[in-house]
C-alpha cells in the first residue's frame, strides 16, 4: 500500500499546475520539455510522485519561472492548520486557474482594474439590478 503524498509534494505540484496552466502549456508539452511523459507530469501535479531537485529546476526553466516560486509561502500552506481558506482552494481549482489565466491575458491594466472593481461590487452585494 502506497503512503499518502506529503503536503509539501502536493503544494509544489499545485504550483507547477498553476504555472503550466497560466502559460497555456499542456501536460504533454511540459513533459516533452523536461523529458518525462504527460502521466508523470500528472503525478507531479497531484503530489503522488515527488519531484527531484534537478527535475524541479528543469520544470522552472521550461515554465520560465524562478524555482523559488514553487516554495513561496510553503510554510503557511503546509502548517498544522488543514482548514485552508476557500479562496486558496478556489485558486488551485480548474475554474480558478482558468479565471486567473484569462484575467492575466488581458494586456490593458485599466481593464483588469475595472474587472476587479466589478467583481468586488458583485461580491459585496452592491451591484445594481
Protein backbone atom coordinates (compact mmCIF):
# COMPACT_ATOMS: atom_id res chain seq x y z
CA UNK A 1 0.00 0.00 0.00
CA UNK A 2 1.39 3.38 -1.01
CA UNK A 3 1.63 6.12 1.60
CA UNK A 4 -0.34 9.35 1.25
CA UNK A 5 1.52 12.15 -0.56
CA UNK A 6 3.37 14.59 1.66
CA UNK A 7 1.79 18.06 1.99
CA UNK A 8 4.89 19.70 0.51
CA UNK A 9 4.74 17.48 -2.58
CA UNK A 10 1.05 18.32 -3.02
CA UNK A 11 1.62 22.07 -2.70
CA UNK A 12 4.63 22.07 -5.06
CA UNK A 13 2.56 20.05 -7.55
CA UNK A 14 -0.28 22.58 -7.37
CA UNK A 15 2.13 25.40 -8.06
CA UNK A 16 3.53 23.53 -11.06
CA UNK A 17 -0.03 23.11 -12.36
CA UNK A 18 -0.87 26.78 -11.80
CA UNK A 19 2.22 27.94 -13.68
CA UNK A 20 1.73 25.43 -16.51
CA UNK A 21 -1.92 26.44 -16.91
CA UNK A 22 -1.13 30.15 -16.85
CA UNK A 23 1.42 29.56 -19.63
CA UNK A 24 -1.31 27.68 -21.56
CA UNK A 25 1.00 24.68 -21.76
CA UNK A 26 -0.32 21.11 -21.88
CA UNK A 27 0.99 18.38 -19.62
CA UNK A 28 2.35 16.70 -22.75
CA UNK A 29 4.28 19.80 -23.79
CA UNK A 30 5.77 20.24 -20.30
CA UNK A 31 6.65 16.55 -20.22
CA UNK A 32 8.39 16.81 -23.58
CA UNK A 33 10.39 19.82 -22.39
CA UNK A 34 11.61 18.04 -19.26
CA UNK A 35 11.94 14.52 -20.66
CA UNK A 36 9.02 12.73 -18.98
CA UNK A 37 5.58 11.51 -20.05
CA UNK A 38 2.41 13.53 -19.51
CA UNK A 39 1.38 10.85 -16.99
CA UNK A 40 4.49 11.67 -14.95
CA UNK A 41 3.60 15.37 -15.08
CA UNK A 42 0.12 14.44 -13.79
CA UNK A 43 1.70 12.57 -10.88
CA UNK A 44 3.96 15.52 -10.09
CA UNK A 45 0.99 17.89 -10.14
CA UNK A 46 -1.05 15.64 -7.82
CA UNK A 47 1.90 15.22 -5.50
CA UNK A 48 1.70 11.43 -5.81
CA UNK A 49 5.27 11.40 -7.20
CA UNK A 50 7.92 13.63 -5.69
CA UNK A 51 9.80 15.99 -7.96
CA UNK A 52 13.57 15.73 -7.57
CA UNK A 53 15.52 18.96 -7.13
CA UNK A 54 17.10 18.64 -10.56
CA UNK A 55 13.73 17.96 -12.22
CA UNK A 56 12.18 20.93 -10.39
CA UNK A 57 14.91 23.15 -11.83
CA UNK A 58 14.11 21.78 -15.32
CA UNK A 59 10.40 22.44 -14.75
CA UNK A 60 11.13 26.01 -13.63
CA UNK A 61 13.21 26.58 -16.78
CA UNK A 62 10.53 25.05 -19.01
CA UNK A 63 7.91 27.31 -17.42
CA UNK A 64 10.26 30.32 -17.39
CA UNK A 65 9.85 30.94 -13.65
CA UNK A 66 12.23 31.18 -10.72
CA UNK A 67 12.49 27.80 -8.99
CA UNK A 68 11.92 29.52 -5.63
CA UNK A 69 8.35 30.27 -6.72
CA UNK A 70 7.45 26.63 -6.00
CA UNK A 71 8.35 27.13 -2.34
CA UNK A 72 6.94 30.63 -1.76
CA UNK A 73 4.53 30.59 1.17
CA UNK A 74 5.04 26.88 1.71
CA UNK A 75 5.41 27.15 5.48
CA UNK A 76 1.98 28.75 5.86
CA UNK A 77 0.31 26.34 3.41
CA UNK A 78 1.68 23.16 4.98
CA UNK A 79 1.39 24.18 8.62
CA UNK A 80 -0.76 22.39 11.17
CA UNK A 81 -3.94 24.14 10.02
CA UNK A 82 -5.59 21.88 7.43
CA UNK A 83 -8.58 24.24 7.09
CA UNK A 84 -7.31 26.23 4.12
CA UNK A 85 -9.41 29.25 3.27
CA UNK A 86 -11.93 28.77 0.49
CA UNK A 87 -10.08 31.33 -1.67
CA UNK A 88 -6.88 29.25 -1.61
CA UNK A 89 -8.80 26.15 -2.64
CA UNK A 90 -10.51 28.06 -5.45
CA UNK A 91 -7.26 29.46 -6.84
CA UNK A 92 -5.88 25.95 -7.33
CA UNK A 93 -9.15 24.61 -8.78
CA UNK A 94 -9.73 24.25 -12.54
CA UNK A 95 -12.11 27.25 -12.57
CA UNK A 96 -9.70 29.34 -10.54
CA UNK A 97 -6.80 28.52 -12.82
CA UNK A 98 -8.82 29.32 -15.93
CA UNK A 99 -10.09 32.60 -14.46
CA UNK A 100 -6.60 33.60 -13.39
CA UNK A 101 -5.07 32.79 -16.79
CA UNK A 102 -7.83 34.68 -18.62
CA UNK A 103 -7.51 37.68 -16.29
CA UNK A 104 -3.76 37.97 -16.80
CA UNK A 105 -4.17 37.52 -20.56
CA UNK A 106 -5.86 40.95 -20.58
CA UNK A 107 -3.00 43.28 -21.50
CA UNK A 108 -4.67 46.56 -20.52
CA UNK A 109 -4.17 47.13 -16.79
CA UNK A 110 -7.10 49.57 -16.66
CA UNK A 111 -9.46 46.89 -17.93
CA UNK A 112 -8.13 44.44 -15.31
CA UNK A 113 -8.73 47.06 -12.61
CA UNK A 114 -12.29 47.64 -13.88
CA UNK A 115 -12.98 43.90 -13.86
CA UNK A 116 -11.62 43.66 -10.32
CA UNK A 117 -13.88 46.51 -9.15
CA UNK A 118 -16.88 44.90 -10.87
CA UNK A 119 -16.26 41.55 -9.17
CA UNK A 120 -15.73 43.24 -5.79
CA UNK A 121 -19.00 45.15 -6.21
CA UNK A 122 -20.89 41.99 -7.13
CA UNK A 123 -19.33 40.11 -4.21
CA UNK A 124 -20.27 42.77 -1.72
CA UNK A 125 -23.89 42.71 -2.86
CA UNK A 126 -23.80 46.31 -4.01
CA UNK A 127 -24.39 45.60 -7.69
CA UNK A 128 -27.40 47.38 -9.07
CA UNK A 129 -30.06 45.35 -10.86
